[in-house]
Each structure stands twice: as C-alpha cells, then as structure tokens.
Amino acid sequence: KYKGIPRRFRANTKVTRCTIKSRTVGATLN
C-alpha cells in the first residue's frame, strides 16, 4: 500500500547472494 492505494510492483532482478537456512526450509536471497 502506497499513499493508501494498493500497488503492484514488478522488477527484473539478479541474485547477488543466496544463504541457505540451516534450521528451516528455504533460503535468503539478496
């Protein structure tokens, strides 16, 4: 929500870092 209005944001990105979680499933991406 931006200025009280729901907004959709889209972007093309590149993964600069990926950290795999040790205690749960998944990863943290920069």
PDB file of all heavy atoms in Angstrom:
ATOM      1  N   LYS A   1       0.858  -1.179   0.000  1.00  0.00           N
ATOM      2  CA  LYS A   1       0.000   0.000   0.000  1.00  0.00           C
ATOM      3  C   LYS A   1       0.894   1.229   0.000  1.00  0.00           C
ATOM      4  O   LYS A   1       1.804   1.343   0.813  1.00  0.00           O
ATOM      5  CB  LYS A   1      -0.881   0.001   1.237  1.00  0.00           C
ATOM      6  CG  LYS A   1      -2.315   0.237   0.948  1.00  0.00           C
ATOM      7  CD  LYS A   1      -3.140   0.195   2.205  1.00  0.00           C
ATOM      8  CE  LYS A   1      -4.441  -0.490   1.867  1.00  0.00           C
ATOM      9  NZ  LYS A   1      -5.383  -0.454   2.951  1.00  0.00           N
ATOM     10  N   TYR A   2       0.665   2.127  -0.927  1.00  0.00           N
ATOM     11  CA  TYR A   2       1.424   3.368  -1.029  1.00  0.00           C
ATOM     12  C   TYR A   2       0.443   4.517  -1.143  1.00  0.00           C
ATOM     13  O   TYR A   2      -0.393   4.521  -2.048  1.00  0.00           O
ATOM     14  CB  TYR A   2       2.376   3.315  -2.222  1.00  0.00           C
ATOM     15  CG  TYR A   2       3.145   4.588  -2.440  1.00  0.00           C
ATOM     16  CD1 TYR A   2       4.027   5.061  -1.485  1.00  0.00           C
ATOM     17  CD2 TYR A   2       2.960   5.332  -3.591  1.00  0.00           C
ATOM     18  CE1 TYR A   2       4.726   6.237  -1.682  1.00  0.00           C
ATOM     19  CE2 TYR A   2       3.659   6.509  -3.804  1.00  0.00           C
ATOM     20  CZ  TYR A   2       4.534   6.956  -2.836  1.00  0.00           C
ATOM     21  OH  TYR A   2       5.230   8.126  -3.022  1.00  0.00           O
ATOM     22  N   LYS A   3       0.507   5.455  -0.194  1.00  0.00           N
ATOM     23  CA  LYS A   3      -0.423   6.585  -0.124  1.00  0.00           C
ATOM     24  C   LYS A   3      -1.868   6.096  -0.071  1.00  0.00           C
ATOM     25  O   LYS A   3      -2.764   6.653  -0.701  1.00  0.00           O
ATOM     26  CB  LYS A   3      -0.215   7.549  -1.292  1.00  0.00           C
ATOM     27  CG  LYS A   3       1.127   8.254  -1.256  1.00  0.00           C
ATOM     28  CD  LYS A   3       1.221   9.305  -2.339  1.00  0.00           C
ATOM     29  CE  LYS A   3       2.553  10.044  -2.226  1.00  0.00           C
ATOM     30  NZ  LYS A   3       2.701  11.091  -3.220  1.00  0.00           N
ATOM     31  N   GLY A   4      -2.077   4.996   0.673  1.00  0.00           N
ATOM     32  CA  GLY A   4      -3.416   4.451   0.871  1.00  0.00           C
ATOM     33  C   GLY A   4      -3.976   3.655  -0.285  1.00  0.00           C
ATOM     34  O   GLY A   4      -5.104   3.192  -0.229  1.00  0.00           O
ATOM     35  N   ILE A   5      -3.189   3.489  -1.332  1.00  0.00           N
ATOM     36  CA  ILE A   5      -3.658   2.776  -2.518  1.00  0.00           C
ATOM     37  C   ILE A   5      -2.828   1.509  -2.698  1.00  0.00           C
ATOM     38  O   ILE A   5      -1.598   1.572  -2.713  1.00  0.00           O
ATOM     39  CB  ILE A   5      -3.517   3.661  -3.780  1.00  0.00           C
ATOM     40  CG1 ILE A   5      -4.324   4.946  -3.616  1.00  0.00           C
ATOM     41  CG2 ILE A   5      -3.954   2.904  -5.025  1.00  0.00           C
ATOM     42  CD1 ILE A   5      -4.030   5.986  -4.669  1.00  0.00           C
ATOM     43  N   PRO A   6      -3.479   0.340  -2.843  1.00  0.00           N
ATOM     44  CA  PRO A   6      -2.713  -0.888  -3.104  1.00  0.00           C
ATOM     45  C   PRO A   6      -1.985  -0.774  -4.444  1.00  0.00           C
ATOM     46  O   PRO A   6      -2.563  -0.352  -5.447  1.00  0.00           O
ATOM     47  CB  PRO A   6      -3.777  -1.983  -3.160  1.00  0.00           C
ATOM     48  CG  PRO A   6      -4.984  -1.400  -2.513  1.00  0.00           C
ATOM     49  CD  PRO A   6      -4.900   0.084  -2.708  1.00  0.00           C
ATOM     50  N   ARG A   7      -0.691  -1.117  -4.436  1.00  0.00           N
ATOM     51  CA  ARG A   7       0.118  -1.028  -5.656  1.00  0.00           C
ATOM     52  C   ARG A   7       0.785  -2.368  -5.927  1.00  0.00           C
ATOM     53  O   ARG A   7       1.115  -3.102  -5.009  1.00  0.00           O
ATOM     54  CB  ARG A   7       1.237   0.004  -5.482  1.00  0.00           C
ATOM     55  CG  ARG A   7       0.816   1.434  -5.308  1.00  0.00           C
ATOM     56  CD  ARG A   7       0.639   2.185  -6.607  1.00  0.00           C
ATOM     57  NE  ARG A   7       1.712   2.013  -7.552  1.00  0.00           N
ATOM     58  CZ  ARG A   7       2.642   2.913  -7.839  1.00  0.00           C
ATOM     59  NH1 ARG A   7       2.634   4.065  -7.222  1.00  0.00           N
ATOM     60  NH2 ARG A   7       3.564   2.672  -8.746  1.00  0.00           N
ATOM     61  N   ARG A   8       1.006  -2.660  -7.181  1.00  0.00           N
ATOM     62  CA  ARG A   8       1.745  -3.843  -7.588  1.00  0.00           C
ATOM     63  C   ARG A   8       3.085  -3.376  -8.139  1.00  0.00           C
ATOM     64  O   ARG A   8       3.139  -2.501  -9.014  1.00  0.00           O
ATOM     65  CB  ARG A   8       0.977  -4.607  -8.658  1.00  0.00           C
ATOM     66  CG  ARG A   8       1.732  -5.823  -9.162  1.00  0.00           C
ATOM     67  CD  ARG A   8       0.955  -6.563 -10.186  1.00  0.00           C
ATOM     68  NE  ARG A   8       0.836  -5.728 -11.387  1.00  0.00           N
ATOM     69  CZ  ARG A   8       0.119  -6.043 -12.444  1.00  0.00           C
ATOM     70  NH1 ARG A   8      -0.592  -7.156 -12.440  1.00  0.00           N
ATOM     71  NH2 ARG A   8       0.067  -5.252 -13.485  1.00  0.00           N
ATOM     72  N   PHE A   9       4.147  -3.932  -7.616  1.00  0.00           N
ATOM     73  CA  PHE A   9       5.494  -3.602  -8.063  1.00  0.00           C
ATOM     74  C   PHE A   9       6.090  -4.816  -8.760  1.00  0.00           C
ATOM     75  O   PHE A   9       5.992  -5.932  -8.251  1.00  0.00           O
ATOM     76  CB  PHE A   9       6.382  -3.216  -6.876  1.00  0.00           C
ATOM     77  CG  PHE A   9       5.942  -1.974  -6.167  1.00  0.00           C
ATOM     78  CD1 PHE A   9       5.060  -2.034  -5.108  1.00  0.00           C
ATOM     79  CD2 PHE A   9       6.412  -0.741  -6.570  1.00  0.00           C
ATOM     80  CE1 PHE A   9       4.651  -0.886  -4.449  1.00  0.00           C
ATOM     81  CE2 PHE A   9       6.011   0.419  -5.914  1.00  0.00           C
ATOM     82  CZ  PHE A   9       5.126   0.332  -4.860  1.00  0.00           C
ATOM     83  N   ARG A  10       6.700  -4.593  -9.900  1.00  0.00           N
ATOM     84  CA  ARG A  10       7.381  -5.660 -10.646  1.00  0.00           C
ATOM     85  C   ARG A  10       8.804  -5.216 -10.937  1.00  0.00           C
ATOM     86  O   ARG A  10       9.056  -4.037 -11.180  1.00  0.00           O
ATOM     87  CB  ARG A  10       6.684  -5.936 -11.968  1.00  0.00           C
ATOM     88  CG  ARG A  10       5.338  -6.555 -11.836  1.00  0.00           C
ATOM     89  CD  ARG A  10       4.757  -6.783 -13.207  1.00  0.00           C
ATOM     90  NE  ARG A  10       3.499  -7.486 -13.124  1.00  0.00           N
ATOM     91  CZ  ARG A  10       2.753  -7.760 -14.158  1.00  0.00           C
ATOM     92  NH1 ARG A  10       3.124  -7.384 -15.363  1.00  0.00           N
ATOM     93  NH2 ARG A  10       1.628  -8.417 -14.010  1.00  0.00           N
ATOM     94  N   ALA A  11       9.715  -6.184 -10.932  1.00  0.00           N
ATOM     95  CA  ALA A  11      11.107  -5.861 -11.240  1.00  0.00           C
ATOM     96  C   ALA A  11      11.828  -7.095 -11.766  1.00  0.00           C
ATOM     97  O   ALA A  11      11.511  -8.225 -11.384  1.00  0.00           O
ATOM     98  CB  ALA A  11      11.824  -5.353  -9.999  1.00  0.00           C
ATOM     99  N   ASN A  12      12.776  -6.855 -12.648  1.00  0.00           N
ATOM    100  CA  ASN A  12      13.719  -7.887 -13.060  1.00  0.00           C
ATOM    101  C   ASN A  12      14.947  -7.726 -12.184  1.00  0.00           C
ATOM    102  O   ASN A  12      15.478  -6.621 -12.060  1.00  0.00           O
ATOM    103  CB  ASN A  12      14.102  -7.732 -14.531  1.00  0.00           C
ATOM    104  CG  ASN A  12      12.934  -8.007 -15.450  1.00  0.00           C
ATOM    105  OD1 ASN A  12      12.068  -8.801 -15.133  1.00  0.00           O
ATOM    106  ND2 ASN A  12      12.898  -7.330 -16.577  1.00  0.00           N
ATOM    107  N   THR A  13      15.364  -8.811 -11.543  1.00  0.00           N
ATOM    108  CA  THR A  13      16.455  -8.744 -10.589  1.00  0.00           C
ATOM    109  C   THR A  13      17.517  -9.791 -10.887  1.00  0.00           C
ATOM    110  O   THR A  13      17.301 -10.703 -11.683  1.00  0.00           O
ATOM    111  CB  THR A  13      15.946  -8.953  -9.148  1.00  0.00           C
ATOM    112  OG1 THR A  13      15.436 -10.287  -9.026  1.00  0.00           O
ATOM    113  CG2 THR A  13      14.863  -7.962  -8.786  1.00  0.00           C
ATOM    114  N   LYS A  14      18.651  -9.638 -10.212  1.00  0.00           N
ATOM    115  CA  LYS A  14      19.731 -10.621 -10.291  1.00  0.00           C
ATOM    116  C   LYS A  14      20.089 -11.016  -8.866  1.00  0.00           C
ATOM    117  O   LYS A  14      20.186 -10.167  -7.975  1.00  0.00           O
ATOM    118  CB  LYS A  14      20.954 -10.036 -10.987  1.00  0.00           C
ATOM    119  CG  LYS A  14      22.097 -11.045 -11.161  1.00  0.00           C
ATOM    120  CD  LYS A  14      23.219 -10.464 -11.977  1.00  0.00           C
ATOM    121  CE  LYS A  14      22.800 -10.466 -13.412  1.00  0.00           C
ATOM    122  NZ  LYS A  14      23.620 -11.182 -14.331  1.00  0.00           N
ATOM    123  N   VAL A  15      20.281 -12.318  -8.635  1.00  0.00           N
ATOM    124  CA  VAL A  15      20.663 -12.812  -7.318  1.00  0.00           C
ATOM    125  C   VAL A  15      22.130 -12.451  -7.069  1.00  0.00           C
ATOM    126  O   VAL A  15      23.009 -12.849  -7.827  1.00  0.00           O
ATOM    127  CB  VAL A  15      20.458 -14.338  -7.209  1.00  0.00           C
ATOM    128  CG1 VAL A  15      20.920 -14.856  -5.848  1.00  0.00           C
ATOM    129  CG2 VAL A  15      19.006 -14.710  -7.456  1.00  0.00           C
ATOM    130  N   THR A  16      22.380 -11.666  -6.009  1.00  0.00           N
ATOM    131  CA  THR A  16      23.759 -11.285  -5.676  1.00  0.00           C
ATOM    132  C   THR A  16      24.321 -12.126  -4.535  1.00  0.00           C
ATOM    133  O   THR A  16      25.528 -12.210  -4.365  1.00  0.00           O
ATOM    134  CB  THR A  16      23.846  -9.791  -5.290  1.00  0.00           C
ATOM    135  OG1 THR A  16      22.953  -9.534  -4.208  1.00  0.00           O
ATOM    136  CG2 THR A  16      23.479  -8.910  -6.479  1.00  0.00           C
ATOM    137  N   ARG A  17      23.415 -12.750  -3.752  1.00  0.00           N
ATOM    138  CA  ARG A  17      23.848 -13.616  -2.666  1.00  0.00           C
ATOM    139  C   ARG A  17      22.694 -14.533  -2.297  1.00  0.00           C
ATOM    140  O   ARG A  17      21.537 -14.119  -2.310  1.00  0.00           O
ATOM    141  CB  ARG A  17      24.246 -12.779  -1.460  1.00  0.00           C
ATOM    142  CG  ARG A  17      24.749 -13.582  -0.297  1.00  0.00           C
ATOM    143  CD  ARG A  17      25.203 -12.674   0.818  1.00  0.00           C
ATOM    144  NE  ARG A  17      25.666 -13.486   1.927  1.00  0.00           N
ATOM    145  CZ  ARG A  17      26.165 -12.999   3.018  1.00  0.00           C
ATOM    146  NH1 ARG A  17      26.285 -11.693   3.167  1.00  0.00           N
ATOM    147  NH2 ARG A  17      26.560 -13.778   3.983  1.00  0.00           N
ATOM    148  N   CYS A  18      23.011 -15.777  -1.956  1.00  0.00           N
ATOM    149  CA  CYS A  18      21.998 -16.740  -1.539  1.00  0.00           C
ATOM    150  C   CYS A  18      22.519 -17.465  -0.309  1.00  0.00           C
ATOM    151  O   CYS A  18      23.573 -18.093  -0.352  1.00  0.00           O
ATOM    152  CB  CYS A  18      21.701 -17.728  -2.665  1.00  0.00           C
ATOM    153  SG  CYS A  18      20.459 -18.949  -2.218  1.00  0.00           S
ATOM    154  N   THR A  19      21.781 -17.373   0.798  1.00  0.00           N
ATOM    155  CA  THR A  19      22.150 -18.048   2.039  1.00  0.00           C
ATOM    156  C   THR A  19      21.094 -19.102   2.341  1.00  0.00           C
ATOM    157  O   THR A  19      19.915 -18.772   2.517  1.00  0.00           O
ATOM    158  CB  THR A  19      22.229 -17.043   3.203  1.00  0.00           C
ATOM    159  OG1 THR A  19      23.111 -15.981   2.840  1.00  0.00           O
ATOM    160  CG2 THR A  19      22.709 -17.709   4.473  1.00  0.00           C
ATOM    161  N   ILE A  20      21.513 -20.361   2.382  1.00  0.00           N
ATOM    162  CA  ILE A  20      20.586 -21.455   2.671  1.00  0.00           C
ATOM    163  C   ILE A  20      20.369 -21.520   4.179  1.00  0.00           C
ATOM    164  O   ILE A  20      21.323 -21.477   4.959  1.00  0.00           O
ATOM    165  CB  ILE A  20      21.139 -22.788   2.136  1.00  0.00           C
ATOM    166  CG1 ILE A  20      21.284 -22.695   0.613  1.00  0.00           C
ATOM    167  CG2 ILE A  20      20.230 -23.944   2.532  1.00  0.00           C
ATOM    168  CD1 ILE A  20      21.997 -23.870  -0.010  1.00  0.00           C
ATOM    169  N   LYS A  21      19.114 -21.621   4.589  1.00  0.00           N
ATOM    170  CA  LYS A  21      18.780 -21.696   6.006  1.00  0.00           C
ATOM    171  C   LYS A  21      19.146 -23.076   6.550  1.00  0.00           C
ATOM    172  O   LYS A  21      18.918 -24.085   5.895  1.00  0.00           O
ATOM    173  CB  LYS A  21      17.300 -21.429   6.216  1.00  0.00           C
ATOM    174  CG  LYS A  21      16.876 -20.043   5.806  1.00  0.00           C
ATOM    175  CD  LYS A  21      15.405 -19.864   6.041  1.00  0.00           C
ATOM    176  CE  LYS A  21      14.953 -18.501   5.610  1.00  0.00           C
ATOM    177  NZ  LYS A  21      13.530 -18.305   5.835  1.00  0.00           N
ATOM    178  N   SER A  22      19.707 -23.127   7.759  1.00  0.00           N
ATOM    179  CA  SER A  22      20.135 -24.399   8.319  1.00  0.00           C
ATOM    180  C   SER A  22      19.051 -25.076   9.157  1.00  0.00           C
ATOM    181  O   SER A  22      19.027 -26.287   9.278  1.00  0.00           O
ATOM    182  CB  SER A  22      21.396 -24.206   9.166  1.00  0.00           C
ATOM    183  OG  SER A  22      21.136 -23.333  10.239  1.00  0.00           O
ATOM    184  N   ARG A  23      18.137 -24.303   9.735  1.00  0.00           N
ATOM    185  CA  ARG A  23      17.136 -24.896  10.626  1.00  0.00           C
ATOM    186  C   ARG A  23      15.758 -25.038   9.984  1.00  0.00           C
ATOM    187  O   ARG A  23      14.918 -25.766  10.479  1.00  0.00           O
ATOM    188  CB  ARG A  23      17.018 -24.073  11.894  1.00  0.00           C
ATOM    189  CG  ARG A  23      18.301 -24.055  12.685  1.00  0.00           C
ATOM    190  CD  ARG A  23      18.104 -23.320  13.992  1.00  0.00           C
ATOM    191  NE  ARG A  23      19.377 -23.135  14.654  1.00  0.00           N
ATOM    192  CZ  ARG A  23      19.820 -23.910  15.623  1.00  0.00           C
ATOM    193  NH1 ARG A  23      19.098 -24.913  16.030  1.00  0.00           N
ATOM    194  NH2 ARG A  23      20.993 -23.676  16.175  1.00  0.00           N
ATOM    195  N   THR A  24      15.510 -24.328   8.914  1.00  0.00           N
ATOM    196  CA  THR A  24      14.209 -24.396   8.252  1.00  0.00           C
ATOM    197  C   THR A  24      14.436 -24.563   6.750  1.00  0.00           C
ATOM    198  O   THR A  24      15.543 -24.449   6.247  1.00  0.00           O
ATOM    199  CB  THR A  24      13.386 -23.110   8.489  1.00  0.00           C
ATOM    200  OG1 THR A  24      14.114 -22.001   7.988  1.00  0.00           O
ATOM    201  CG2 THR A  24      13.086 -22.908   9.960  1.00  0.00           C
ATOM    202  N   VAL A  25      13.360 -24.796   6.051  1.00  0.00           N
ATOM    203  CA  VAL A  25      13.427 -24.947   4.601  1.00  0.00           C
ATOM    204  C   VAL A  25      13.474 -23.569   3.958  1.00  0.00           C
ATOM    205  O   VAL A  25      12.777 -22.656   4.386  1.00  0.00           O
ATOM    206  CB  VAL A  25      12.197 -25.732   4.091  1.00  0.00           C
ATOM    207  CG1 VAL A  25      12.183 -25.801   2.576  1.00  0.00           C
ATOM    208  CG2 VAL A  25      12.153 -27.113   4.701  1.00  0.00           C
ATOM    209  N   GLY A  26      14.294 -23.414   2.948  1.00  0.00           N
ATOM    210  CA  GLY A  26      14.315 -22.160   2.206  1.00  0.00           C
ATOM    211  C   GLY A  26      15.671 -21.498   2.201  1.00  0.00           C
ATOM    212  O   GLY A  26      16.674 -22.058   2.640  1.00  0.00           O
ATOM    213  N   ALA A  27      15.683 -20.277   1.678  1.00  0.00           N
ATOM    214  CA  ALA A  27      16.914 -19.514   1.545  1.00  0.00           C
ATOM    215  C   ALA A  27      16.599 -18.024   1.638  1.00  0.00           C
ATOM    216  O   ALA A  27      15.469 -17.601   1.414  1.00  0.00           O
ATOM    217  CB  ALA A  27      17.589 -19.820   0.208  1.00  0.00           C
ATOM    218  N   THR A  28      17.621 -17.261   1.977  1.00  0.00           N
ATOM    219  CA  THR A  28      17.519 -15.804   1.969  1.00  0.00           C
ATOM    220  C   THR A  28      18.292 -15.305   0.763  1.00  0.00           C
ATOM    221  O   THR A  28      19.472 -15.636   0.597  1.00  0.00           O
ATOM    222  CB  THR A  28      18.107 -15.207   3.262  1.00  0.00           C
ATOM    223  OG1 THR A  28      17.374 -15.730   4.367  1.00  0.00           O
ATOM    224  CG2 THR A  28      17.988 -13.696   3.254  1.00  0.00           C
ATOM    225  N   LEU A  29      17.630 -14.536  -0.089  1.00  0.00           N
ATOM    226  CA  LEU A  29      18.257 -14.027  -1.309  1.00  0.00           C
ATOM    227  C   LEU A  29      18.500 -12.531  -1.190  1.00  0.00           C
ATOM    228  O   LEU A  29      17.640 -11.796  -0.704  1.00  0.00           O
ATOM    229  CB  LEU A  29      17.352 -14.262  -2.523  1.00  0.00           C
ATOM    230  CG  LEU A  29      16.920 -15.689  -2.832  1.00  0.00           C
ATOM    231  CD1 LEU A  29      15.980 -15.689  -4.029  1.00  0.00           C
ATOM    232  CD2 LEU A  29      18.116 -16.571  -3.101  1.00  0.00           C
ATOM    233  N   ASN A  30      19.653 -12.089  -1.611  1.00  0.00           N
ATOM    234  CA  ASN A  30      19.914 -10.663  -1.806  1.00  0.00           C
ATOM    235  C   ASN A  30      19.785 -10.421  -3.301  1.00  0.00           C
ATOM    236  O   ASN A  30      20.408 -11.129  -4.104  1.00  0.00           O
ATOM    237  CB  ASN A  30      21.311 -10.283  -1.332  1.00  0.00           C
ATOM    238  CG  ASN A  30      21.447 -10.333   0.170  1.00  0.00           C
ATOM    239  OD1 ASN A  30      20.551 -10.761   0.876  1.00  0.00           O
ATOM    240  ND2 ASN A  30      22.584  -9.903   0.653  1.00  0.00           N
TER     241      ASN A  30
END
